Amino acid sequence: MIAAYSAGGALVWIVWVVAGFACLASGVAVVSFSNPFYSALALIGNLGSLAVLYLLLSAEFVAAAQVLVYAGAVMVMFVFVIAYVGPRVETPWAGAPGWQTIAAVLAAGAIFLEIVVVIGLKASNSLLHSEHVNRTFGTPGWIGRLFLTDHLLAFEITSIVLLIAAVGGVVLGSHARRRDPNEASA
């Protein structure tokens, strides 16, 4: 019995390590590829590896939603917009860092600080309190009831933002497809 549990525990750790490294590698690939299509494919890999991590946490509904909603529907929309807009030539970085770079570094520092604090609290056994979780926690019915009662406004705002993003992609694509009147016809 102990040997079977040990082998099962080792398999879980192996899957966790592989999924974690796949998540990190695909995340780095998302920001390092210059081709936006390859970045979108790497993001699909990242979302898939996150779904595996959710499965290891026994969050089957969240893993299925991750694959169906994000890796499926949202990424299809991203790939469609990337294909519709087409490649763009961007100017290389020159000069001092902009406000977005500074904000990104500050956000990364805040997340790093949070990780250090949580690891410190975990090491000092300050996170050992236990909470009672009922059997309906995390079920599709519980999540649906939570979305459509307590978080209805955020749920609807998210759907409107996604609709605006889709319309914006089509508008950007239509402007990119228009030919410059100064160009010579081929």
N, C-alpha and C. Protein backbone atom coordinates (compact mmCIF):
# COMPACT_ATOMS: atom_id res chain seq x y z
N MET A 1 0.82 -1.19 0.00
CA MET A 1 0.00 0.00 0.00
C MET A 1 0.87 1.26 0.00
N ILE A 2 1.89 1.28 0.86
CA ILE A 2 2.77 2.45 0.93
C ILE A 2 3.58 2.59 -0.35
N ALA A 3 4.01 1.47 -0.93
CA ALA A 3 4.78 1.53 -2.17
C ALA A 3 3.91 2.05 -3.31
N ALA A 4 2.62 1.68 -3.34
CA ALA A 4 1.72 2.16 -4.39
C ALA A 4 1.49 3.66 -4.22
N TYR A 5 1.32 4.12 -2.96
CA TYR A 5 1.13 5.54 -2.73
C TYR A 5 2.39 6.32 -3.08
N SER A 6 3.52 5.75 -2.77
CA SER A 6 4.79 6.40 -3.08
C SER A 6 4.98 6.54 -4.58
N ALA A 7 4.65 5.50 -5.33
CA ALA A 7 4.77 5.57 -6.79
C ALA A 7 3.77 6.57 -7.36
N GLY A 8 2.55 6.61 -6.82
CA GLY A 8 1.56 7.58 -7.28
C GLY A 8 1.97 8.99 -6.93
N GLY A 9 2.52 9.19 -5.74
CA GLY A 9 2.99 10.51 -5.34
C GLY A 9 4.15 10.98 -6.20
N ALA A 10 5.03 10.04 -6.56
CA ALA A 10 6.16 10.39 -7.42
C ALA A 10 5.67 10.79 -8.80
N LEU A 11 4.64 10.09 -9.30
CA LEU A 11 4.08 10.43 -10.61
C LEU A 11 3.45 11.82 -10.59
N VAL A 12 2.77 12.15 -9.50
CA VAL A 12 2.17 13.48 -9.38
C VAL A 12 3.26 14.55 -9.38
N TRP A 13 4.35 14.30 -8.66
CA TRP A 13 5.44 15.27 -8.64
C TRP A 13 6.09 15.42 -10.01
N ILE A 14 6.24 14.32 -10.72
CA ILE A 14 6.83 14.38 -12.06
C ILE A 14 5.94 15.20 -13.00
N VAL A 15 4.63 14.93 -12.96
CA VAL A 15 3.69 15.69 -13.81
C VAL A 15 3.70 17.16 -13.41
N TRP A 16 3.76 17.44 -12.10
CA TRP A 16 3.77 18.82 -11.64
C TRP A 16 5.02 19.55 -12.13
N VAL A 17 6.17 18.91 -12.02
CA VAL A 17 7.42 19.54 -12.45
C VAL A 17 7.41 19.77 -13.96
N VAL A 18 6.96 18.78 -14.73
CA VAL A 18 6.92 18.92 -16.19
C VAL A 18 5.94 20.03 -16.58
N ALA A 19 4.76 20.04 -15.96
CA ALA A 19 3.77 21.07 -16.29
C ALA A 19 4.26 22.45 -15.85
N GLY A 20 4.94 22.52 -14.71
CA GLY A 20 5.48 23.81 -14.26
C GLY A 20 6.54 24.35 -15.19
N PHE A 21 7.47 23.47 -15.61
CA PHE A 21 8.50 23.92 -16.55
C PHE A 21 7.89 24.27 -17.91
N ALA A 22 6.88 23.51 -18.34
CA ALA A 22 6.21 23.84 -19.61
C ALA A 22 5.50 25.18 -19.51
N CYS A 23 4.92 25.46 -18.36
CA CYS A 23 4.26 26.75 -18.14
C CYS A 23 5.26 27.89 -18.20
N LEU A 24 6.39 27.72 -17.51
CA LEU A 24 7.42 28.76 -17.52
C LEU A 24 8.03 28.94 -18.91
N ALA A 25 8.35 27.83 -19.58
CA ALA A 25 8.98 27.92 -20.90
C ALA A 25 8.05 28.55 -21.92
N SER A 26 6.77 28.17 -21.90
CA SER A 26 5.84 28.75 -22.86
C SER A 26 5.56 30.21 -22.53
N GLY A 27 5.60 30.58 -21.25
CA GLY A 27 5.44 31.99 -20.88
C GLY A 27 6.59 32.84 -21.39
N VAL A 28 7.80 32.31 -21.28
CA VAL A 28 8.96 33.03 -21.83
C VAL A 28 8.86 33.11 -23.34
N ALA A 29 8.38 32.03 -23.97
CA ALA A 29 8.23 32.03 -25.43
C ALA A 29 7.21 33.06 -25.90
N VAL A 30 6.14 33.26 -25.12
CA VAL A 30 5.12 34.24 -25.49
C VAL A 30 5.72 35.62 -25.65
N VAL A 31 6.58 36.00 -24.73
CA VAL A 31 7.13 37.36 -24.78
C VAL A 31 8.40 37.46 -25.59
N SER A 32 9.01 36.33 -25.98
CA SER A 32 10.27 36.42 -26.71
C SER A 32 10.12 36.23 -28.21
N PHE A 33 9.04 35.63 -28.68
CA PHE A 33 8.87 35.48 -30.13
C PHE A 33 8.54 36.82 -30.76
N SER A 34 9.14 37.09 -31.90
CA SER A 34 8.82 38.34 -32.59
C SER A 34 7.59 38.20 -33.47
N ASN A 35 7.28 36.98 -33.88
CA ASN A 35 6.09 36.72 -34.68
C ASN A 35 4.89 36.56 -33.75
N PRO A 36 3.85 37.39 -33.90
CA PRO A 36 2.72 37.31 -32.97
C PRO A 36 1.96 35.98 -33.08
N PHE A 37 1.97 35.35 -34.24
CA PHE A 37 1.29 34.07 -34.38
C PHE A 37 1.97 33.00 -33.53
N TYR A 38 3.30 32.97 -33.53
CA TYR A 38 4.02 32.02 -32.69
C TYR A 38 3.82 32.33 -31.21
N SER A 39 3.72 33.60 -30.89
CA SER A 39 3.45 33.97 -29.50
C SER A 39 2.07 33.47 -29.07
N ALA A 40 1.09 33.57 -29.95
CA ALA A 40 -0.26 33.08 -29.63
C ALA A 40 -0.24 31.56 -29.46
N LEU A 41 0.52 30.85 -30.29
CA LEU A 41 0.62 29.40 -30.13
C LEU A 41 1.31 29.04 -28.81
N ALA A 42 2.32 29.80 -28.44
CA ALA A 42 2.98 29.56 -27.15
C ALA A 42 2.03 29.86 -26.00
N LEU A 43 1.16 30.85 -26.16
CA LEU A 43 0.18 31.15 -25.12
C LEU A 43 -0.83 30.01 -24.98
N ILE A 44 -1.18 29.37 -26.08
CA ILE A 44 -2.05 28.20 -26.00
C ILE A 44 -1.36 27.09 -25.21
N GLY A 45 -0.07 26.89 -25.45
CA GLY A 45 0.68 25.90 -24.66
C GLY A 45 0.72 26.27 -23.19
N ASN A 46 0.86 27.55 -22.90
CA ASN A 46 0.87 28.00 -21.52
C ASN A 46 -0.47 27.73 -20.85
N LEU A 47 -1.55 28.03 -21.54
CA LEU A 47 -2.87 27.79 -20.97
C LEU A 47 -3.13 26.30 -20.78
N GLY A 48 -2.62 25.47 -21.69
CA GLY A 48 -2.76 24.02 -21.53
C GLY A 48 -1.99 23.50 -20.33
N SER A 49 -0.77 23.99 -20.12
CA SER A 49 0.00 23.54 -18.97
C SER A 49 -0.62 24.04 -17.67
N LEU A 50 -1.25 25.21 -17.68
CA LEU A 50 -1.98 25.67 -16.50
C LEU A 50 -3.17 24.76 -16.21
N ALA A 51 -3.82 24.28 -17.26
CA ALA A 51 -4.95 23.36 -17.06
C ALA A 51 -4.48 22.07 -16.40
N VAL A 52 -3.29 21.59 -16.75
CA VAL A 52 -2.75 20.39 -16.10
C VAL A 52 -2.49 20.67 -14.63
N LEU A 53 -1.96 21.85 -14.32
CA LEU A 53 -1.73 22.21 -12.92
C LEU A 53 -3.05 22.30 -12.15
N TYR A 54 -4.10 22.82 -12.79
CA TYR A 54 -5.42 22.85 -12.15
C TYR A 54 -5.94 21.43 -11.90
N LEU A 55 -5.70 20.53 -12.83
CA LEU A 55 -6.11 19.15 -12.62
C LEU A 55 -5.40 18.53 -11.42
N LEU A 56 -4.14 18.85 -11.25
CA LEU A 56 -3.40 18.33 -10.10
C LEU A 56 -3.95 18.90 -8.79
N LEU A 57 -4.59 20.04 -8.84
CA LEU A 57 -5.20 20.64 -7.65
C LEU A 57 -6.64 20.17 -7.44
N SER A 58 -7.07 19.19 -8.24
CA SER A 58 -8.45 18.65 -8.19
C SER A 58 -9.48 19.72 -8.52
N ALA A 59 -9.14 20.62 -9.41
CA ALA A 59 -10.06 21.66 -9.87
C ALA A 59 -10.42 21.34 -11.32
N GLU A 60 -11.19 20.27 -11.50
CA GLU A 60 -11.51 19.78 -12.84
C GLU A 60 -12.32 20.79 -13.64
N PHE A 61 -13.27 21.48 -12.99
CA PHE A 61 -14.09 22.45 -13.71
C PHE A 61 -13.24 23.62 -14.21
N VAL A 62 -12.35 24.10 -13.36
CA VAL A 62 -11.49 25.22 -13.76
C VAL A 62 -10.56 24.79 -14.89
N ALA A 63 -10.05 23.56 -14.83
CA ALA A 63 -9.18 23.05 -15.90
C ALA A 63 -9.95 22.96 -17.22
N ALA A 64 -11.18 22.45 -17.16
CA ALA A 64 -11.99 22.36 -18.38
C ALA A 64 -12.33 23.75 -18.92
N ALA A 65 -12.65 24.68 -18.03
CA ALA A 65 -12.93 26.05 -18.47
C ALA A 65 -11.69 26.69 -19.07
N GLN A 66 -10.54 26.40 -18.48
CA GLN A 66 -9.27 26.93 -18.99
C GLN A 66 -9.06 26.48 -20.44
N VAL A 67 -9.29 25.22 -20.70
CA VAL A 67 -9.08 24.69 -22.04
C VAL A 67 -10.16 25.17 -23.00
N LEU A 68 -11.42 25.07 -22.59
CA LEU A 68 -12.51 25.41 -23.50
C LEU A 68 -12.62 26.91 -23.76
N VAL A 69 -12.57 27.70 -22.70
CA VAL A 69 -12.80 29.13 -22.85
C VAL A 69 -11.54 29.85 -23.32
N TYR A 70 -10.45 29.68 -22.58
CA TYR A 70 -9.25 30.45 -22.89
C TYR A 70 -8.45 29.85 -24.05
N ALA A 71 -8.03 28.59 -23.91
CA ALA A 71 -7.23 27.99 -24.97
C ALA A 71 -8.06 27.75 -26.22
N GLY A 72 -9.37 27.68 -26.06
CA GLY A 72 -10.24 27.47 -27.21
C GLY A 72 -10.75 28.76 -27.79
N ALA A 73 -11.80 29.30 -27.19
CA ALA A 73 -12.52 30.43 -27.77
C ALA A 73 -11.70 31.72 -27.82
N VAL A 74 -11.10 32.11 -26.71
CA VAL A 74 -10.38 33.38 -26.68
C VAL A 74 -9.16 33.33 -27.59
N MET A 75 -8.44 32.23 -27.59
CA MET A 75 -7.25 32.14 -28.44
C MET A 75 -7.62 32.06 -29.92
N VAL A 76 -8.76 31.47 -30.24
CA VAL A 76 -9.22 31.51 -31.64
C VAL A 76 -9.46 32.95 -32.06
N MET A 77 -10.04 33.74 -31.15
CA MET A 77 -10.26 35.15 -31.46
C MET A 77 -8.92 35.88 -31.62
N PHE A 78 -7.94 35.60 -30.75
CA PHE A 78 -6.62 36.22 -30.87
C PHE A 78 -5.97 35.87 -32.20
N VAL A 79 -6.00 34.59 -32.55
CA VAL A 79 -5.37 34.16 -33.80
C VAL A 79 -6.09 34.79 -35.00
N PHE A 80 -7.43 34.88 -34.92
CA PHE A 80 -8.18 35.52 -35.98
C PHE A 80 -7.77 36.98 -36.14
N VAL A 81 -7.66 37.70 -35.04
CA VAL A 81 -7.27 39.11 -35.11
C VAL A 81 -5.85 39.25 -35.62
N ILE A 82 -4.95 38.38 -35.18
CA ILE A 82 -3.56 38.43 -35.67
C ILE A 82 -3.51 38.18 -37.17
N ALA A 83 -4.27 37.20 -37.63
CA ALA A 83 -4.29 36.91 -39.07
C ALA A 83 -4.96 38.03 -39.85
N TYR A 84 -5.96 38.65 -39.26
CA TYR A 84 -6.70 39.70 -39.96
C TYR A 84 -5.90 41.00 -40.04
N VAL A 85 -5.24 41.35 -38.95
CA VAL A 85 -4.47 42.59 -38.94
C VAL A 85 -3.20 42.44 -39.76
N GLY A 86 -2.57 41.28 -39.69
CA GLY A 86 -1.36 41.06 -40.46
C GLY A 86 -0.13 41.51 -39.70
N PRO A 87 1.03 41.27 -40.29
CA PRO A 87 2.27 41.64 -39.60
C PRO A 87 2.45 43.16 -39.56
N ARG A 88 3.04 43.60 -38.49
CA ARG A 88 3.32 45.03 -38.36
C ARG A 88 4.81 45.19 -38.08
N VAL A 89 5.35 46.23 -38.63
CA VAL A 89 6.75 46.54 -38.39
C VAL A 89 6.79 47.54 -37.24
N GLU A 90 7.48 47.17 -36.18
CA GLU A 90 7.58 48.07 -35.03
C GLU A 90 8.98 48.66 -34.98
N THR A 91 9.05 49.85 -34.46
CA THR A 91 10.36 50.49 -34.32
C THR A 91 11.08 49.86 -33.14
N PRO A 92 12.38 49.68 -33.26
CA PRO A 92 13.13 49.13 -32.14
C PRO A 92 13.17 50.10 -30.97
N TRP A 93 13.40 49.55 -29.79
CA TRP A 93 13.43 50.37 -28.58
C TRP A 93 14.62 51.31 -28.63
N ALA A 94 14.37 52.56 -28.33
CA ALA A 94 15.44 53.55 -28.30
C ALA A 94 15.14 54.54 -27.18
N GLY A 95 16.16 54.91 -26.48
CA GLY A 95 15.98 55.92 -25.44
C GLY A 95 15.69 55.33 -24.08
N ALA A 96 15.16 56.16 -23.22
CA ALA A 96 14.87 55.77 -21.84
C ALA A 96 13.61 54.89 -21.80
N PRO A 97 13.49 54.07 -20.75
CA PRO A 97 12.29 53.24 -20.65
C PRO A 97 11.04 54.09 -20.45
N GLY A 98 9.94 53.65 -21.06
CA GLY A 98 8.68 54.36 -20.94
C GLY A 98 7.95 54.00 -19.66
N TRP A 99 6.78 54.59 -19.48
CA TRP A 99 6.01 54.33 -18.26
C TRP A 99 5.53 52.89 -18.20
N GLN A 100 5.29 52.25 -19.34
CA GLN A 100 4.85 50.86 -19.33
C GLN A 100 5.95 49.93 -18.83
N THR A 101 7.18 50.21 -19.23
CA THR A 101 8.30 49.40 -18.77
C THR A 101 8.49 49.56 -17.27
N ILE A 102 8.40 50.77 -16.80
CA ILE A 102 8.56 51.03 -15.36
C ILE A 102 7.42 50.36 -14.58
N ALA A 103 6.19 50.46 -15.09
CA ALA A 103 5.05 49.83 -14.42
C ALA A 103 5.19 48.31 -14.41
N ALA A 104 5.71 47.73 -15.50
CA ALA A 104 5.90 46.28 -15.55
C ALA A 104 6.95 45.83 -14.55
N VAL A 105 8.03 46.58 -14.43
CA VAL A 105 9.08 46.23 -13.46
C VAL A 105 8.55 46.36 -12.03
N LEU A 106 7.78 47.40 -11.75
CA LEU A 106 7.19 47.56 -10.42
C LEU A 106 6.20 46.44 -10.10
N ALA A 107 5.38 46.05 -11.08
CA ALA A 107 4.43 44.95 -10.86
C ALA A 107 5.16 43.64 -10.63
N ALA A 108 6.21 43.39 -11.40
CA ALA A 108 7.00 42.16 -11.20
C ALA A 108 7.66 42.17 -9.83
N GLY A 109 8.15 43.31 -9.39
CA GLY A 109 8.74 43.41 -8.06
C GLY A 109 7.71 43.16 -6.96
N ALA A 110 6.50 43.68 -7.14
CA ALA A 110 5.44 43.46 -6.15
C ALA A 110 5.06 41.98 -6.07
N ILE A 111 4.97 41.33 -7.21
CA ILE A 111 4.66 39.90 -7.22
C ILE A 111 5.78 39.10 -6.58
N PHE A 112 7.02 39.46 -6.86
CA PHE A 112 8.15 38.78 -6.25
C PHE A 112 8.14 38.96 -4.73
N LEU A 113 7.84 40.18 -4.28
CA LEU A 113 7.76 40.45 -2.84
C LEU A 113 6.65 39.62 -2.20
N GLU A 114 5.52 39.52 -2.88
CA GLU A 114 4.42 38.70 -2.36
C GLU A 114 4.82 37.23 -2.25
N ILE A 115 5.52 36.73 -3.23
CA ILE A 115 5.98 35.34 -3.18
C ILE A 115 6.94 35.13 -2.01
N VAL A 116 7.85 36.07 -1.81
CA VAL A 116 8.80 35.96 -0.69
C VAL A 116 8.06 35.98 0.65
N VAL A 117 7.05 36.84 0.79
CA VAL A 117 6.29 36.93 2.04
C VAL A 117 5.53 35.63 2.28
N VAL A 118 4.88 35.08 1.25
CA VAL A 118 4.11 33.84 1.42
C VAL A 118 5.04 32.68 1.77
N ILE A 119 6.18 32.60 1.11
CA ILE A 119 7.13 31.53 1.45
C ILE A 119 7.62 31.71 2.88
N GLY A 120 7.88 32.94 3.30
CA GLY A 120 8.30 33.19 4.68
C GLY A 120 7.22 32.81 5.68
N LEU A 121 5.96 33.14 5.39
CA LEU A 121 4.87 32.77 6.28
C LEU A 121 4.68 31.26 6.33
N LYS A 122 4.82 30.62 5.19
CA LYS A 122 4.68 29.16 5.14
C LYS A 122 5.81 28.51 5.91
N ALA A 123 7.01 29.03 5.81
CA ALA A 123 8.15 28.45 6.52
C ALA A 123 8.00 28.62 8.03
N SER A 124 7.34 29.71 8.45
CA SER A 124 7.17 29.92 9.89
C SER A 124 5.87 29.31 10.41
N ASN A 125 5.19 28.52 9.59
CA ASN A 125 3.93 27.83 9.95
C ASN A 125 2.82 28.81 10.32
N SER A 126 2.83 30.00 9.76
CA SER A 126 1.76 30.96 10.02
C SER A 126 0.54 30.72 9.14
N LEU A 127 0.64 29.84 8.18
CA LEU A 127 -0.48 29.56 7.27
C LEU A 127 -1.13 28.21 7.55
N LEU A 128 -1.09 27.76 8.78
CA LEU A 128 -1.61 26.44 9.09
C LEU A 128 -3.07 26.43 9.47
N HIS A 129 -3.77 27.54 9.42
CA HIS A 129 -5.18 27.52 9.78
C HIS A 129 -5.95 26.74 8.71
N SER A 130 -6.97 26.04 9.14
CA SER A 130 -7.76 25.24 8.20
C SER A 130 -9.16 25.82 8.11
N GLU A 131 -9.71 25.77 6.95
CA GLU A 131 -11.05 26.24 6.70
C GLU A 131 -11.92 25.06 6.27
N HIS A 132 -13.18 25.12 6.64
CA HIS A 132 -14.11 24.08 6.21
C HIS A 132 -14.63 24.43 4.82
N VAL A 133 -14.51 23.50 3.91
CA VAL A 133 -15.00 23.69 2.55
C VAL A 133 -16.10 22.66 2.32
N ASN A 134 -17.29 23.15 1.98
CA ASN A 134 -18.39 22.21 1.77
C ASN A 134 -18.27 21.50 0.44
N ARG A 135 -19.09 20.49 0.22
CA ARG A 135 -18.96 19.63 -0.95
C ARG A 135 -19.35 20.33 -2.25
N THR A 136 -20.10 21.40 -2.19
CA THR A 136 -20.51 22.08 -3.42
C THR A 136 -19.49 23.10 -3.89
N PHE A 137 -18.46 23.34 -3.11
CA PHE A 137 -17.45 24.33 -3.48
C PHE A 137 -16.76 23.92 -4.78
N GLY A 138 -16.76 24.81 -5.76
CA GLY A 138 -16.07 24.57 -7.02
C GLY A 138 -16.87 23.81 -8.05
N THR A 139 -18.09 23.41 -7.74
CA THR A 139 -18.90 22.70 -8.72
C THR A 139 -19.43 23.70 -9.76
N PRO A 140 -19.81 23.23 -10.93
CA PRO A 140 -20.34 24.17 -11.95
C PRO A 140 -21.55 24.95 -11.46
N GLY A 141 -22.43 24.31 -10.70
CA GLY A 141 -23.60 25.02 -10.18
C GLY A 141 -23.22 26.12 -9.20
N TRP A 142 -22.25 25.83 -8.33
CA TRP A 142 -21.80 26.81 -7.35
C TRP A 142 -21.13 27.99 -8.06
N ILE A 143 -20.29 27.70 -9.05
CA ILE A 143 -19.61 28.77 -9.79
C ILE A 143 -20.61 29.59 -10.59
N GLY A 144 -21.58 28.92 -11.23
CA GLY A 144 -22.59 29.66 -11.99
C GLY A 144 -23.43 30.55 -11.10
N ARG A 145 -23.83 30.04 -9.94
CA ARG A 145 -24.61 30.84 -8.99
C ARG A 145 -23.79 32.03 -8.50
N LEU A 146 -22.50 31.82 -8.25
CA LEU A 146 -21.64 32.91 -7.80
C LEU A 146 -21.47 33.97 -8.90
N PHE A 147 -21.27 33.52 -10.15
CA PHE A 147 -21.13 34.46 -11.27
C PHE A 147 -22.40 35.28 -11.49
N LEU A 148 -23.54 34.64 -11.40
CA LEU A 148 -24.78 35.30 -11.77
C LEU A 148 -25.50 35.96 -10.60
N THR A 149 -24.89 35.94 -9.41
CA THR A 149 -25.47 36.68 -8.29
C THR A 149 -24.46 37.70 -7.75
N ASP A 150 -23.44 37.24 -7.07
CA ASP A 150 -22.50 38.16 -6.42
C ASP A 150 -21.61 38.90 -7.40
N HIS A 151 -21.25 38.27 -8.51
CA HIS A 151 -20.29 38.85 -9.44
C HIS A 151 -20.89 39.09 -10.83
N LEU A 152 -22.19 39.39 -10.88
CA LEU A 152 -22.85 39.58 -12.17
C LEU A 152 -22.31 40.78 -12.92
N LEU A 153 -22.05 41.88 -12.23
CA LEU A 153 -21.54 43.07 -12.90
C LEU A 153 -20.17 42.82 -13.53
N ALA A 154 -19.27 42.19 -12.80
CA ALA A 154 -17.94 41.88 -13.34
C ALA A 154 -18.05 40.90 -14.51
N PHE A 155 -18.96 39.94 -14.41
CA PHE A 155 -19.17 38.97 -15.48
C PHE A 155 -19.64 39.66 -16.76
N GLU A 156 -20.59 40.57 -16.63
CA GLU A 156 -21.10 41.29 -17.80
C GLU A 156 -20.09 42.29 -18.35
N ILE A 157 -19.33 42.94 -17.49
CA ILE A 157 -18.30 43.87 -17.97
C ILE A 157 -17.24 43.11 -18.76
N THR A 158 -16.88 41.91 -18.30
CA THR A 158 -15.91 41.09 -19.03
C THR A 158 -16.43 40.74 -20.41
N SER A 159 -17.70 40.37 -20.51
CA SER A 159 -18.25 40.03 -21.83
C SER A 159 -18.28 41.25 -22.75
N ILE A 160 -18.55 42.42 -22.21
CA ILE A 160 -18.55 43.64 -23.02
C ILE A 160 -17.13 43.99 -23.47
N VAL A 161 -16.15 43.82 -22.58
CA VAL A 161 -14.76 44.10 -22.94
C VAL A 161 -14.30 43.15 -24.05
N LEU A 162 -14.68 41.88 -23.97
CA LEU A 162 -14.32 40.93 -25.04
C LEU A 162 -15.00 41.31 -26.36
N LEU A 163 -16.24 41.76 -26.31
CA LEU A 163 -16.93 42.20 -27.52
C LEU A 163 -16.23 43.42 -28.12
N ILE A 164 -15.85 44.37 -27.28
CA ILE A 164 -15.14 45.56 -27.76
C ILE A 164 -13.79 45.17 -28.37
N ALA A 165 -13.11 44.20 -27.76
CA ALA A 165 -11.83 43.74 -28.31
C ALA A 165 -12.02 43.12 -29.69
N ALA A 166 -13.07 42.34 -29.86
CA ALA A 166 -13.33 41.73 -31.17
C ALA A 166 -13.65 42.79 -32.22
N VAL A 167 -14.48 43.76 -31.87
CA VAL A 167 -14.83 44.83 -32.81
C VAL A 167 -13.59 45.67 -33.11
N GLY A 168 -12.79 45.95 -32.09
CA GLY A 168 -11.55 46.71 -32.30
C GLY A 168 -10.59 45.99 -33.22
N GLY A 169 -10.50 44.67 -33.09
CA GLY A 169 -9.64 43.89 -33.99
C GLY A 169 -10.10 43.98 -35.43
N VAL A 170 -11.41 43.92 -35.64
CA VAL A 170 -11.94 44.03 -37.00
C VAL A 170 -11.69 45.43 -37.56
N VAL A 171 -11.87 46.45 -36.73
CA VAL A 171 -11.64 47.83 -37.19
C VAL A 171 -10.17 48.03 -37.52
N LEU A 172 -9.28 47.56 -36.65
CA LEU A 172 -7.85 47.68 -36.95
C LEU A 172 -7.48 46.92 -38.22
N GLY A 173 -8.07 45.76 -38.39
CA GLY A 173 -7.79 44.98 -39.59
C GLY A 173 -8.28 45.65 -40.85
N SER A 174 -9.43 46.30 -40.77
CA SER A 174 -9.94 46.97 -41.97
C SER A 174 -9.07 48.17 -42.33
N HIS A 175 -8.53 48.86 -41.34
CA HIS A 175 -7.63 49.98 -41.63
C HIS A 175 -6.29 49.48 -42.17
N ALA A 176 -5.83 48.35 -41.70
CA ALA A 176 -4.56 47.80 -42.18
C ALA A 176 -4.69 47.28 -43.61
N ARG A 177 -5.86 46.85 -43.99
CA ARG A 177 -6.07 46.29 -45.34
C ARG A 177 -6.22 47.37 -46.41
N ARG A 178 -6.57 48.56 -45.99
CA ARG A 178 -6.71 49.64 -46.97
C ARG A 178 -5.35 49.98 -47.54
N ARG A 179 -5.31 50.20 -48.81
CA ARG A 179 -4.04 50.52 -49.47
C ARG A 179 -3.77 52.01 -49.41
N ASP A 180 -2.52 52.34 -49.32
CA ASP A 180 -2.10 53.74 -49.32
C ASP A 180 -2.24 54.26 -50.75
N PRO A 181 -2.92 55.41 -50.96
CA PRO A 181 -3.11 55.93 -52.31
C PRO A 181 -1.79 56.33 -52.97
N ASN A 182 -0.73 56.56 -52.21
CA ASN A 182 0.55 56.93 -52.78
C ASN A 182 1.34 55.72 -53.27
N GLU A 183 0.88 54.50 -52.90
CA GLU A 183 1.57 53.30 -53.35
C GLU A 183 1.32 53.07 -54.83
N ALA A 184 2.32 52.59 -55.50
CA ALA A 184 2.14 52.25 -56.93
C ALA A 184 1.41 50.94 -57.01
N SER A 185 0.48 50.84 -57.93
CA SER A 185 -0.26 49.58 -58.08
C SER A 185 0.62 48.56 -58.79
N ALA A 186 0.49 47.34 -58.31
CA ALA A 186 1.35 46.30 -58.84
C ALA A 186 0.75 45.60 -60.02
